[in-house]
N, C-alpha and C. Protein backbone atom coordinates (compact mmCIF):
# COMPACT_ATOMS: atom_id res chain seq x y z
N MET A 1 -59.82 8.06 26.09
CA MET A 1 -59.79 6.79 26.82
C MET A 1 -59.84 5.65 25.82
N LYS A 2 -59.18 4.57 26.13
CA LYS A 2 -59.17 3.45 25.21
C LYS A 2 -60.54 2.80 25.16
N SER A 3 -60.84 2.19 24.02
CA SER A 3 -62.12 1.53 23.86
C SER A 3 -62.13 0.21 24.59
N ALA A 4 -63.32 -0.36 24.75
CA ALA A 4 -63.46 -1.58 25.53
C ALA A 4 -62.70 -2.74 24.93
N ASP A 5 -62.51 -2.73 23.60
CA ASP A 5 -61.83 -3.85 22.95
C ASP A 5 -60.34 -3.58 22.72
N SER A 6 -59.82 -2.47 23.25
CA SER A 6 -58.40 -2.16 23.11
C SER A 6 -57.57 -3.09 23.99
N GLN A 7 -56.40 -3.44 23.51
CA GLN A 7 -55.49 -4.25 24.30
C GLN A 7 -54.37 -3.39 24.84
N GLN A 8 -53.81 -3.80 25.97
CA GLN A 8 -52.70 -3.08 26.57
C GLN A 8 -51.51 -3.09 25.63
N VAL A 9 -50.90 -1.94 25.45
CA VAL A 9 -49.72 -1.83 24.59
C VAL A 9 -48.47 -1.89 25.46
N PRO A 10 -47.29 -2.19 24.88
CA PRO A 10 -46.05 -2.17 25.65
C PRO A 10 -45.77 -0.77 26.21
N VAL A 11 -45.52 -0.69 27.49
CA VAL A 11 -45.35 0.59 28.18
C VAL A 11 -43.97 0.66 28.82
N ALA A 12 -43.22 1.69 28.51
CA ALA A 12 -41.92 1.94 29.13
C ALA A 12 -42.09 2.83 30.36
N GLY A 13 -41.04 2.95 31.14
CA GLY A 13 -41.02 3.87 32.27
C GLY A 13 -39.89 4.87 32.10
N LEU A 14 -40.10 6.09 32.55
CA LEU A 14 -39.09 7.14 32.43
C LEU A 14 -39.04 7.94 33.72
N VAL A 15 -37.86 7.93 34.37
CA VAL A 15 -37.63 8.70 35.59
C VAL A 15 -36.79 9.91 35.26
N LEU A 16 -37.28 11.08 35.57
CA LEU A 16 -36.54 12.33 35.35
C LEU A 16 -35.79 12.66 36.63
N ALA A 17 -34.46 12.46 36.61
CA ALA A 17 -33.66 12.56 37.83
C ALA A 17 -32.38 13.35 37.61
N ALA A 18 -32.44 14.37 36.75
CA ALA A 18 -31.22 15.09 36.37
C ALA A 18 -30.97 16.37 37.15
N GLY A 19 -31.95 16.83 37.92
CA GLY A 19 -31.83 18.14 38.55
C GLY A 19 -30.82 18.20 39.68
N ALA A 20 -30.34 19.41 39.96
CA ALA A 20 -29.36 19.62 41.01
C ALA A 20 -30.00 19.74 42.39
N GLY A 21 -31.32 19.93 42.45
CA GLY A 21 -31.99 20.07 43.74
C GLY A 21 -31.48 21.25 44.53
N ARG A 22 -31.37 22.40 43.90
CA ARG A 22 -30.78 23.57 44.56
C ARG A 22 -31.55 23.95 45.83
N ARG A 23 -32.87 23.91 45.77
CA ARG A 23 -33.67 24.26 46.94
C ARG A 23 -33.58 23.18 48.02
N MET A 24 -33.26 21.96 47.62
CA MET A 24 -33.09 20.87 48.56
C MET A 24 -31.69 20.86 49.16
N GLY A 25 -30.73 21.43 48.43
CA GLY A 25 -29.34 21.43 48.88
C GLY A 25 -28.56 20.21 48.42
N THR A 26 -29.20 19.34 47.64
CA THR A 26 -28.56 18.14 47.10
C THR A 26 -29.43 17.61 45.97
N PRO A 27 -28.86 16.90 45.01
CA PRO A 27 -29.71 16.30 43.97
C PRO A 27 -30.77 15.40 44.59
N LYS A 28 -32.02 15.61 44.20
CA LYS A 28 -33.11 14.86 44.83
C LYS A 28 -33.04 13.37 44.49
N ALA A 29 -32.36 13.02 43.42
CA ALA A 29 -32.19 11.60 43.09
C ALA A 29 -31.50 10.85 44.21
N LEU A 30 -30.66 11.56 44.98
CA LEU A 30 -29.86 10.91 46.03
C LEU A 30 -30.46 11.01 47.42
N VAL A 31 -31.58 11.71 47.57
CA VAL A 31 -32.27 11.72 48.85
C VAL A 31 -32.75 10.31 49.15
N ARG A 32 -32.69 9.90 50.41
CA ARG A 32 -33.05 8.53 50.77
C ARG A 32 -34.36 8.46 51.56
N ASP A 33 -35.10 7.40 51.28
CA ASP A 33 -36.35 7.19 52.00
C ASP A 33 -36.06 6.58 53.37
N PRO A 34 -37.06 6.34 54.21
CA PRO A 34 -36.80 5.82 55.55
C PRO A 34 -36.07 4.48 55.57
N ALA A 35 -36.12 3.72 54.48
CA ALA A 35 -35.40 2.45 54.41
C ALA A 35 -33.98 2.62 53.89
N GLY A 36 -33.58 3.87 53.62
CA GLY A 36 -32.24 4.13 53.11
C GLY A 36 -32.09 3.98 51.62
N VAL A 37 -33.21 3.85 50.91
CA VAL A 37 -33.18 3.67 49.45
C VAL A 37 -33.21 5.04 48.77
N PRO A 38 -32.27 5.34 47.88
CA PRO A 38 -32.31 6.62 47.17
C PRO A 38 -33.60 6.76 46.35
N TRP A 39 -34.09 7.96 46.29
CA TRP A 39 -35.33 8.19 45.55
C TRP A 39 -35.24 7.69 44.12
N VAL A 40 -34.08 7.86 43.48
CA VAL A 40 -33.97 7.44 42.09
C VAL A 40 -34.13 5.93 41.96
N VAL A 41 -33.59 5.19 42.93
CA VAL A 41 -33.73 3.73 42.90
C VAL A 41 -35.17 3.34 43.19
N ARG A 42 -35.77 4.01 44.17
CA ARG A 42 -37.16 3.71 44.52
C ARG A 42 -38.08 3.93 43.32
N ALA A 43 -37.91 5.04 42.61
CA ALA A 43 -38.76 5.32 41.46
C ALA A 43 -38.58 4.27 40.37
N ALA A 44 -37.33 3.89 40.10
CA ALA A 44 -37.08 2.87 39.07
C ALA A 44 -37.70 1.54 39.46
N ARG A 45 -37.60 1.19 40.73
CA ARG A 45 -38.17 -0.07 41.20
C ARG A 45 -39.69 -0.07 41.08
N ILE A 46 -40.31 1.05 41.39
CA ILE A 46 -41.77 1.14 41.30
C ILE A 46 -42.23 0.98 39.86
N LEU A 47 -41.56 1.64 38.93
CA LEU A 47 -41.94 1.50 37.53
C LEU A 47 -41.76 0.06 37.06
N THR A 48 -40.67 -0.56 37.46
CA THR A 48 -40.43 -1.95 37.08
C THR A 48 -41.49 -2.87 37.67
N ALA A 49 -41.80 -2.69 38.96
CA ALA A 49 -42.81 -3.53 39.62
C ALA A 49 -44.19 -3.31 39.02
N SER A 50 -44.40 -2.15 38.40
CA SER A 50 -45.69 -1.84 37.79
C SER A 50 -45.83 -2.46 36.40
N GLY A 51 -44.75 -3.05 35.90
CA GLY A 51 -44.80 -3.70 34.59
C GLY A 51 -44.21 -2.89 33.46
N CYS A 52 -43.63 -1.72 33.76
CA CYS A 52 -43.01 -0.91 32.72
C CYS A 52 -41.69 -1.54 32.26
N SER A 53 -41.47 -1.57 30.95
CA SER A 53 -40.23 -2.12 30.42
C SER A 53 -39.99 -1.58 29.01
N PRO A 54 -38.80 -1.02 28.77
CA PRO A 54 -37.72 -0.81 29.72
C PRO A 54 -38.01 0.37 30.64
N VAL A 55 -37.17 0.51 31.68
CA VAL A 55 -37.22 1.68 32.54
C VAL A 55 -35.95 2.48 32.28
N VAL A 56 -36.11 3.74 31.88
CA VAL A 56 -35.00 4.63 31.57
C VAL A 56 -34.94 5.71 32.64
N VAL A 57 -33.74 5.97 33.14
CA VAL A 57 -33.52 7.03 34.13
C VAL A 57 -32.62 8.08 33.50
N VAL A 58 -33.07 9.33 33.49
CA VAL A 58 -32.27 10.43 32.95
C VAL A 58 -31.51 11.09 34.10
N VAL A 59 -30.19 11.14 33.98
CA VAL A 59 -29.35 11.74 35.01
C VAL A 59 -28.67 12.99 34.46
N GLY A 60 -28.15 13.81 35.36
CA GLY A 60 -27.47 15.04 34.95
C GLY A 60 -26.55 15.50 36.05
N ALA A 61 -27.09 16.24 37.03
CA ALA A 61 -26.30 16.66 38.18
C ALA A 61 -25.84 15.42 38.96
N ALA A 62 -24.59 15.45 39.42
CA ALA A 62 -24.03 14.31 40.18
C ALA A 62 -24.25 13.01 39.42
N ALA A 63 -24.07 13.05 38.10
CA ALA A 63 -24.39 11.89 37.26
C ALA A 63 -23.65 10.64 37.70
N ALA A 64 -22.38 10.76 38.04
CA ALA A 64 -21.60 9.57 38.43
C ALA A 64 -22.15 8.95 39.70
N GLU A 65 -22.54 9.78 40.66
CA GLU A 65 -23.07 9.25 41.91
C GLU A 65 -24.43 8.57 41.69
N VAL A 66 -25.26 9.19 40.87
CA VAL A 66 -26.57 8.60 40.61
C VAL A 66 -26.42 7.29 39.84
N ARG A 67 -25.53 7.29 38.85
CA ARG A 67 -25.26 6.04 38.10
C ARG A 67 -24.81 4.94 39.03
N ALA A 68 -23.97 5.28 39.99
CA ALA A 68 -23.45 4.27 40.92
C ALA A 68 -24.58 3.62 41.72
N GLU A 69 -25.59 4.39 42.05
CA GLU A 69 -26.73 3.82 42.78
C GLU A 69 -27.55 2.88 41.91
N LEU A 70 -27.46 3.05 40.59
CA LEU A 70 -28.31 2.30 39.67
C LEU A 70 -27.60 1.15 38.98
N THR A 71 -26.35 0.89 39.33
CA THR A 71 -25.58 -0.10 38.58
C THR A 71 -26.16 -1.50 38.64
N THR A 72 -26.81 -1.87 39.72
CA THR A 72 -27.36 -3.22 39.83
C THR A 72 -28.88 -3.20 39.81
N LYS A 73 -29.46 -2.10 39.39
CA LYS A 73 -30.91 -1.97 39.40
C LYS A 73 -31.45 -2.12 37.98
N PRO A 74 -32.73 -2.48 37.84
CA PRO A 74 -33.31 -2.71 36.51
C PRO A 74 -33.64 -1.40 35.79
N ALA A 75 -32.62 -0.68 35.37
CA ALA A 75 -32.84 0.59 34.69
C ALA A 75 -31.74 0.85 33.68
N GLN A 76 -32.09 1.54 32.61
CA GLN A 76 -31.11 2.02 31.64
C GLN A 76 -30.89 3.50 31.92
N VAL A 77 -29.65 3.91 31.96
CA VAL A 77 -29.31 5.28 32.33
C VAL A 77 -28.95 6.09 31.09
N VAL A 78 -29.56 7.26 30.98
CA VAL A 78 -29.28 8.21 29.91
C VAL A 78 -28.86 9.52 30.55
N GLU A 79 -27.78 10.12 30.06
CA GLU A 79 -27.33 11.38 30.63
C GLU A 79 -27.77 12.55 29.76
N ALA A 80 -28.42 13.52 30.39
CA ALA A 80 -28.78 14.77 29.72
C ALA A 80 -27.65 15.76 29.97
N THR A 81 -26.77 15.92 29.00
CA THR A 81 -25.61 16.79 29.19
C THR A 81 -26.00 18.25 29.36
N ASN A 82 -27.18 18.62 28.86
CA ASN A 82 -27.67 19.99 28.99
C ASN A 82 -28.73 20.10 30.07
N TRP A 83 -28.57 19.31 31.14
CA TRP A 83 -29.58 19.23 32.19
C TRP A 83 -29.82 20.56 32.89
N THR A 84 -28.84 21.47 32.86
CA THR A 84 -29.01 22.77 33.53
C THR A 84 -30.13 23.59 32.90
N GLU A 85 -30.54 23.24 31.69
CA GLU A 85 -31.64 23.93 31.03
C GLU A 85 -32.95 23.75 31.79
N GLY A 86 -33.10 22.61 32.46
CA GLY A 86 -34.33 22.33 33.18
C GLY A 86 -34.92 21.00 32.79
N MET A 87 -36.13 20.75 33.30
CA MET A 87 -36.79 19.46 33.09
C MET A 87 -37.03 19.15 31.62
N GLY A 88 -37.20 20.18 30.81
CA GLY A 88 -37.42 19.96 29.39
C GLY A 88 -36.29 19.19 28.74
N ALA A 89 -35.04 19.50 29.13
CA ALA A 89 -33.89 18.80 28.57
C ALA A 89 -33.90 17.33 28.96
N SER A 90 -34.27 17.05 30.20
CA SER A 90 -34.35 15.66 30.67
C SER A 90 -35.42 14.89 29.92
N LEU A 91 -36.57 15.52 29.74
CA LEU A 91 -37.67 14.85 29.04
C LEU A 91 -37.31 14.57 27.60
N ARG A 92 -36.69 15.53 26.94
CA ARG A 92 -36.28 15.32 25.55
C ARG A 92 -35.27 14.18 25.45
N ALA A 93 -34.30 14.16 26.37
CA ALA A 93 -33.29 13.11 26.34
C ALA A 93 -33.91 11.74 26.55
N GLY A 94 -34.84 11.65 27.50
CA GLY A 94 -35.46 10.36 27.78
C GLY A 94 -36.32 9.86 26.65
N LEU A 95 -37.16 10.72 26.10
CA LEU A 95 -38.03 10.30 25.00
C LEU A 95 -37.23 9.97 23.75
N THR A 96 -36.18 10.74 23.50
CA THR A 96 -35.33 10.45 22.33
C THR A 96 -34.67 9.07 22.49
N ALA A 97 -34.17 8.79 23.68
CA ALA A 97 -33.55 7.48 23.93
C ALA A 97 -34.55 6.35 23.74
N LEU A 98 -35.75 6.53 24.25
CA LEU A 98 -36.77 5.49 24.09
C LEU A 98 -37.15 5.31 22.63
N GLY A 99 -37.23 6.39 21.89
CA GLY A 99 -37.57 6.30 20.48
C GLY A 99 -36.52 5.60 19.66
N ASP A 100 -35.28 5.63 20.14
CA ASP A 100 -34.17 5.00 19.42
C ASP A 100 -33.98 3.53 19.78
N LEU A 101 -34.68 3.06 20.81
CA LEU A 101 -34.50 1.68 21.24
C LEU A 101 -35.05 0.72 20.20
N PRO A 102 -34.35 -0.39 19.98
CA PRO A 102 -34.91 -1.43 19.09
C PRO A 102 -36.05 -2.15 19.78
N ALA A 103 -36.78 -2.92 19.01
CA ALA A 103 -37.85 -3.73 19.59
C ALA A 103 -37.26 -4.71 20.60
N SER A 104 -38.04 -5.06 21.59
CA SER A 104 -37.59 -5.99 22.62
C SER A 104 -37.55 -7.41 22.09
N ALA A 105 -37.13 -8.34 22.95
CA ALA A 105 -37.06 -9.74 22.54
C ALA A 105 -38.42 -10.27 22.11
N SER A 106 -39.48 -9.68 22.64
CA SER A 106 -40.83 -10.10 22.27
C SER A 106 -41.26 -9.51 20.93
N GLY A 107 -40.41 -8.65 20.38
CA GLY A 107 -40.72 -8.04 19.09
C GLY A 107 -41.51 -6.76 19.19
N ALA A 108 -41.75 -6.24 20.41
CA ALA A 108 -42.58 -5.07 20.60
C ALA A 108 -41.79 -3.91 21.16
N ALA A 109 -41.79 -2.79 20.46
CA ALA A 109 -41.19 -1.57 21.00
C ALA A 109 -42.22 -0.86 21.86
N PRO A 110 -41.80 -0.07 22.84
CA PRO A 110 -42.76 0.65 23.68
C PRO A 110 -43.66 1.55 22.84
N GLN A 111 -44.94 1.52 23.13
CA GLN A 111 -45.91 2.35 22.43
C GLN A 111 -46.43 3.48 23.32
N ALA A 112 -46.00 3.49 24.56
CA ALA A 112 -46.35 4.56 25.50
C ALA A 112 -45.31 4.54 26.60
N VAL A 113 -45.25 5.64 27.36
CA VAL A 113 -44.29 5.73 28.45
C VAL A 113 -44.95 6.38 29.66
N VAL A 114 -44.65 5.85 30.83
CA VAL A 114 -45.08 6.46 32.09
C VAL A 114 -43.93 7.33 32.58
N VAL A 115 -44.17 8.63 32.70
CA VAL A 115 -43.13 9.59 33.08
C VAL A 115 -43.35 10.02 34.53
N VAL A 116 -42.28 9.92 35.34
CA VAL A 116 -42.35 10.39 36.72
C VAL A 116 -41.10 11.21 37.04
N PRO A 117 -41.25 12.34 37.72
CA PRO A 117 -40.08 13.03 38.26
C PRO A 117 -39.61 12.28 39.50
N VAL A 118 -38.35 12.45 39.85
CA VAL A 118 -37.79 11.68 40.96
C VAL A 118 -38.27 12.16 42.33
N ASP A 119 -38.89 13.34 42.37
CA ASP A 119 -39.19 13.96 43.67
C ASP A 119 -40.64 13.78 44.12
N VAL A 120 -41.22 12.61 43.81
CA VAL A 120 -42.57 12.29 44.28
C VAL A 120 -42.46 11.07 45.20
N PRO A 121 -42.08 11.28 46.47
CA PRO A 121 -41.81 10.14 47.35
C PRO A 121 -43.03 9.31 47.68
N GLY A 122 -44.24 9.86 47.44
CA GLY A 122 -45.45 9.10 47.71
C GLY A 122 -45.90 8.24 46.55
N LEU A 123 -45.12 8.21 45.47
CA LEU A 123 -45.48 7.39 44.31
C LEU A 123 -45.65 5.93 44.73
N ALA A 124 -46.68 5.28 44.20
CA ALA A 124 -46.95 3.90 44.55
C ALA A 124 -47.20 3.07 43.30
N VAL A 125 -46.90 1.79 43.39
CA VAL A 125 -47.13 0.88 42.28
C VAL A 125 -48.58 0.95 41.81
N GLU A 126 -49.51 1.04 42.76
CA GLU A 126 -50.93 1.05 42.40
C GLU A 126 -51.29 2.27 41.56
N VAL A 127 -50.65 3.40 41.83
CA VAL A 127 -50.90 4.61 41.05
C VAL A 127 -50.41 4.41 39.61
N VAL A 128 -49.19 3.91 39.48
CA VAL A 128 -48.64 3.71 38.14
C VAL A 128 -49.51 2.74 37.35
N ARG A 129 -49.91 1.66 37.98
CA ARG A 129 -50.74 0.68 37.27
C ARG A 129 -52.08 1.28 36.85
N ARG A 130 -52.65 2.13 37.69
CA ARG A 130 -53.95 2.72 37.34
C ARG A 130 -53.85 3.61 36.12
N VAL A 131 -52.85 4.48 36.08
CA VAL A 131 -52.73 5.37 34.92
C VAL A 131 -52.23 4.61 33.69
N ALA A 132 -51.35 3.64 33.89
CA ALA A 132 -50.81 2.87 32.76
C ALA A 132 -51.88 2.00 32.12
N ALA A 133 -52.93 1.67 32.85
CA ALA A 133 -54.02 0.87 32.28
C ALA A 133 -54.70 1.59 31.12
N GLU A 134 -54.53 2.91 31.05
CA GLU A 134 -55.13 3.70 29.97
C GLU A 134 -54.16 3.91 28.80
N ALA A 135 -52.99 3.30 28.87
CA ALA A 135 -51.97 3.57 27.86
C ALA A 135 -52.36 3.02 26.49
N GLN A 136 -52.21 3.88 25.50
CA GLN A 136 -52.36 3.52 24.09
C GLN A 136 -51.37 4.36 23.31
N VAL A 137 -51.15 4.04 22.05
CA VAL A 137 -50.17 4.76 21.26
C VAL A 137 -50.54 6.24 21.10
N ASP A 138 -51.82 6.56 21.19
CA ASP A 138 -52.27 7.94 21.03
C ASP A 138 -52.73 8.56 22.35
N ALA A 139 -52.39 7.93 23.48
CA ALA A 139 -52.92 8.37 24.77
C ALA A 139 -52.12 9.52 25.37
N LEU A 140 -52.83 10.38 26.08
CA LEU A 140 -52.26 11.35 27.00
C LEU A 140 -53.06 11.22 28.29
N VAL A 141 -52.41 10.77 29.35
CA VAL A 141 -53.09 10.47 30.59
C VAL A 141 -52.31 11.10 31.74
N ARG A 142 -53.03 11.67 32.70
CA ARG A 142 -52.33 12.29 33.83
C ARG A 142 -53.05 11.93 35.13
N ALA A 143 -52.28 11.54 36.13
CA ALA A 143 -52.85 11.30 37.44
C ALA A 143 -53.34 12.62 38.03
N ALA A 144 -54.41 12.53 38.81
CA ALA A 144 -54.92 13.70 39.53
C ALA A 144 -55.17 13.29 40.97
N TYR A 145 -55.04 14.27 41.86
CA TYR A 145 -55.20 14.03 43.29
C TYR A 145 -56.19 15.06 43.82
N GLY A 146 -57.40 14.61 44.08
CA GLY A 146 -58.44 15.54 44.48
C GLY A 146 -58.72 16.56 43.39
N GLY A 147 -58.59 16.12 42.15
CA GLY A 147 -58.83 16.99 41.00
C GLY A 147 -57.66 17.84 40.59
N VAL A 148 -56.55 17.78 41.33
CA VAL A 148 -55.36 18.57 41.01
C VAL A 148 -54.40 17.72 40.17
N PRO A 149 -54.01 18.18 38.98
CA PRO A 149 -53.13 17.39 38.13
C PRO A 149 -51.79 17.12 38.80
N GLY A 150 -51.27 15.91 38.60
CA GLY A 150 -49.99 15.52 39.18
C GLY A 150 -49.29 14.49 38.33
N HIS A 151 -48.54 13.61 38.96
CA HIS A 151 -47.79 12.57 38.27
C HIS A 151 -48.20 11.21 38.81
N PRO A 152 -48.05 10.18 37.98
CA PRO A 152 -47.36 10.09 36.69
C PRO A 152 -48.17 10.68 35.53
N VAL A 153 -47.48 10.82 34.40
CA VAL A 153 -48.10 11.17 33.13
C VAL A 153 -47.79 10.06 32.13
N VAL A 154 -48.80 9.62 31.42
CA VAL A 154 -48.61 8.63 30.36
C VAL A 154 -48.64 9.34 29.01
N ILE A 155 -47.62 9.12 28.21
CA ILE A 155 -47.51 9.76 26.90
C ILE A 155 -47.41 8.67 25.84
N GLY A 156 -48.43 8.57 24.98
CA GLY A 156 -48.40 7.62 23.89
C GLY A 156 -47.36 8.00 22.85
N ARG A 157 -46.85 7.00 22.16
CA ARG A 157 -45.77 7.22 21.21
C ARG A 157 -46.11 8.25 20.13
N ASP A 158 -47.38 8.34 19.75
CA ASP A 158 -47.79 9.32 18.74
C ASP A 158 -47.48 10.75 19.18
N HIS A 159 -47.34 10.98 20.49
CA HIS A 159 -47.12 12.33 21.01
C HIS A 159 -45.65 12.63 21.31
N TRP A 160 -44.77 11.64 21.21
CA TRP A 160 -43.39 11.85 21.64
C TRP A 160 -42.71 12.98 20.88
N ALA A 161 -42.86 12.99 19.56
CA ALA A 161 -42.21 14.03 18.76
C ALA A 161 -42.72 15.41 19.14
N GLY A 162 -44.03 15.54 19.36
CA GLY A 162 -44.59 16.83 19.74
C GLY A 162 -44.10 17.30 21.09
N VAL A 163 -44.00 16.37 22.05
CA VAL A 163 -43.49 16.74 23.37
C VAL A 163 -42.03 17.15 23.28
N ILE A 164 -41.22 16.40 22.53
CA ILE A 164 -39.80 16.75 22.36
C ILE A 164 -39.67 18.15 21.77
N GLU A 165 -40.52 18.48 20.82
CA GLU A 165 -40.45 19.80 20.17
C GLU A 165 -40.79 20.93 21.14
N MET A 166 -41.74 20.70 22.04
CA MET A 166 -42.24 21.77 22.90
C MET A 166 -41.61 21.81 24.28
N ALA A 167 -40.92 20.75 24.69
CA ALA A 167 -40.38 20.69 26.05
C ALA A 167 -39.15 21.58 26.17
N ARG A 168 -39.30 22.67 26.84
CA ARG A 168 -38.20 23.62 27.02
C ARG A 168 -38.20 24.13 28.46
N GLY A 169 -37.03 24.55 28.93
CA GLY A 169 -36.95 25.12 30.27
C GLY A 169 -37.37 24.13 31.33
N ASP A 170 -38.04 24.65 32.36
CA ASP A 170 -38.42 23.81 33.50
C ASP A 170 -39.85 23.34 33.42
N GLU A 171 -40.52 23.57 32.30
CA GLU A 171 -41.94 23.21 32.21
C GLU A 171 -42.16 21.78 31.77
N GLY A 172 -41.15 21.12 31.24
CA GLY A 172 -41.33 19.74 30.82
C GLY A 172 -42.42 19.60 29.78
N ALA A 173 -43.37 18.69 30.05
CA ALA A 173 -44.45 18.42 29.09
C ALA A 173 -45.65 19.34 29.27
N ARG A 174 -45.61 20.26 30.24
CA ARG A 174 -46.80 21.06 30.54
C ARG A 174 -47.32 21.85 29.35
N PRO A 175 -46.47 22.50 28.53
CA PRO A 175 -47.04 23.22 27.38
C PRO A 175 -47.78 22.30 26.42
N TYR A 176 -47.25 21.12 26.19
CA TYR A 176 -47.92 20.18 25.30
C TYR A 176 -49.23 19.69 25.90
N LEU A 177 -49.23 19.43 27.19
CA LEU A 177 -50.45 18.97 27.84
C LEU A 177 -51.52 20.05 27.89
N ARG A 178 -51.10 21.30 27.97
CA ARG A 178 -52.09 22.39 27.93
C ARG A 178 -52.75 22.46 26.56
N ARG A 179 -51.97 22.20 25.53
CA ARG A 179 -52.49 22.28 24.16
C ARG A 179 -53.30 21.04 23.79
N ASN A 180 -52.94 19.90 24.34
CA ASN A 180 -53.58 18.63 24.00
C ASN A 180 -54.11 18.02 25.30
N ARG A 181 -55.37 18.20 25.55
CA ARG A 181 -55.95 17.90 26.86
C ARG A 181 -55.84 16.42 27.21
N PRO A 182 -55.18 16.10 28.34
CA PRO A 182 -55.05 14.71 28.74
C PRO A 182 -56.30 14.19 29.44
N LEU A 183 -56.40 12.88 29.51
CA LEU A 183 -57.38 12.23 30.36
C LEU A 183 -56.85 12.26 31.79
N PHE A 184 -57.66 12.74 32.73
CA PHE A 184 -57.25 12.74 34.13
C PHE A 184 -57.79 11.50 34.83
N VAL A 185 -56.91 10.83 35.56
CA VAL A 185 -57.27 9.63 36.31
C VAL A 185 -57.08 9.92 37.79
N GLU A 186 -58.16 9.90 38.54
CA GLU A 186 -58.10 10.25 39.96
C GLU A 186 -57.38 9.16 40.76
N CYS A 187 -56.41 9.61 41.58
CA CYS A 187 -55.59 8.67 42.35
C CYS A 187 -55.46 9.06 43.82
N ALA A 188 -56.29 9.99 44.28
CA ALA A 188 -56.16 10.46 45.66
C ALA A 188 -56.44 9.36 46.68
N ASP A 189 -57.15 8.32 46.27
CA ASP A 189 -57.41 7.21 47.19
C ASP A 189 -56.19 6.31 47.35
N LEU A 190 -55.17 6.51 46.52
CA LEU A 190 -53.98 5.66 46.56
C LEU A 190 -52.74 6.36 47.10
N ALA A 191 -52.63 7.66 46.91
CA ALA A 191 -51.42 8.41 47.29
C ALA A 191 -51.75 9.89 47.34
N ASP A 192 -50.78 10.70 47.85
CA ASP A 192 -51.03 12.14 47.88
C ASP A 192 -50.46 12.85 46.66
N GLY A 193 -49.52 12.23 45.96
CA GLY A 193 -49.00 12.80 44.72
C GLY A 193 -48.16 14.04 44.88
N ARG A 194 -47.76 14.36 46.09
CA ARG A 194 -47.05 15.62 46.35
C ARG A 194 -45.60 15.53 45.93
N ASP A 195 -45.13 16.53 45.18
CA ASP A 195 -43.70 16.60 44.89
C ASP A 195 -43.02 17.42 45.98
N VAL A 196 -41.74 17.17 46.18
CA VAL A 196 -41.00 17.75 47.31
C VAL A 196 -39.82 18.56 46.77
N ASP A 197 -39.74 19.82 47.19
CA ASP A 197 -38.69 20.70 46.68
C ASP A 197 -37.68 21.12 47.74
N THR A 198 -38.06 21.11 49.01
CA THR A 198 -37.17 21.61 50.05
C THR A 198 -37.06 20.60 51.19
N VAL A 199 -36.04 20.79 52.02
CA VAL A 199 -35.85 19.91 53.18
C VAL A 199 -37.07 19.98 54.09
N GLU A 200 -37.65 21.17 54.23
CA GLU A 200 -38.81 21.34 55.11
C GLU A 200 -40.01 20.53 54.62
N ASP A 201 -40.06 20.24 53.33
CA ASP A 201 -41.18 19.50 52.76
C ASP A 201 -41.01 17.98 52.85
N LEU A 202 -39.83 17.52 53.27
CA LEU A 202 -39.56 16.09 53.29
C LEU A 202 -40.52 15.35 54.24
N PRO A 203 -41.03 14.20 53.80
CA PRO A 203 -41.82 13.38 54.72
C PRO A 203 -40.95 12.88 55.86
N PRO A 204 -41.55 12.47 56.97
CA PRO A 204 -40.77 11.97 58.11
C PRO A 204 -39.88 10.79 57.71
N GLY A 205 -38.65 10.81 58.22
CA GLY A 205 -37.73 9.70 57.99
C GLY A 205 -36.86 9.82 56.77
N HIS A 206 -37.15 10.78 55.88
CA HIS A 206 -36.34 10.96 54.69
C HIS A 206 -35.12 11.83 55.02
N ARG A 207 -34.04 11.59 54.25
CA ARG A 207 -32.82 12.37 54.48
C ARG A 207 -32.06 12.55 53.17
């Protein structure tokens, strides 16, 4: 946890939205919430509203369609050409892209990133802000819901290379987080944190 005299560091946002959604029957990035907003757009908007900058979205399956939804939204799109490998490929692509970004107009490059998969429809601005408040260059922070680890995950820049090295298959950052214990931030009072894999799991009104 950051010390009392620590200052907030620049925090980027990263949406992992490259999967084909085989169990859903369609890429989950394109599933729409009750207002008709695609999940990928909703996630990018939440990260932006939470103060994350820049916001990077990793696409893969149906890349052209997902890009089309994001053309006027506050997000930078990165394509993971090897997205079929699993979430690890998306995470590596996103962190690599963020690491290559120049400093912003304010002169500050992101020192941490808030990572969210696209399939958490209950994600809320308040959740992102709570976990991002712990962001530091050496931070590893994970939201928890009733003590159960979930998303978002905050990864300080000091850990990016290690996560890129270990992220393989569909496990994403989990092997790295198992080896390097994150700080858990309880968020059950703000959201349920549930990820959605099938049509049967969709909240009411989603399509």
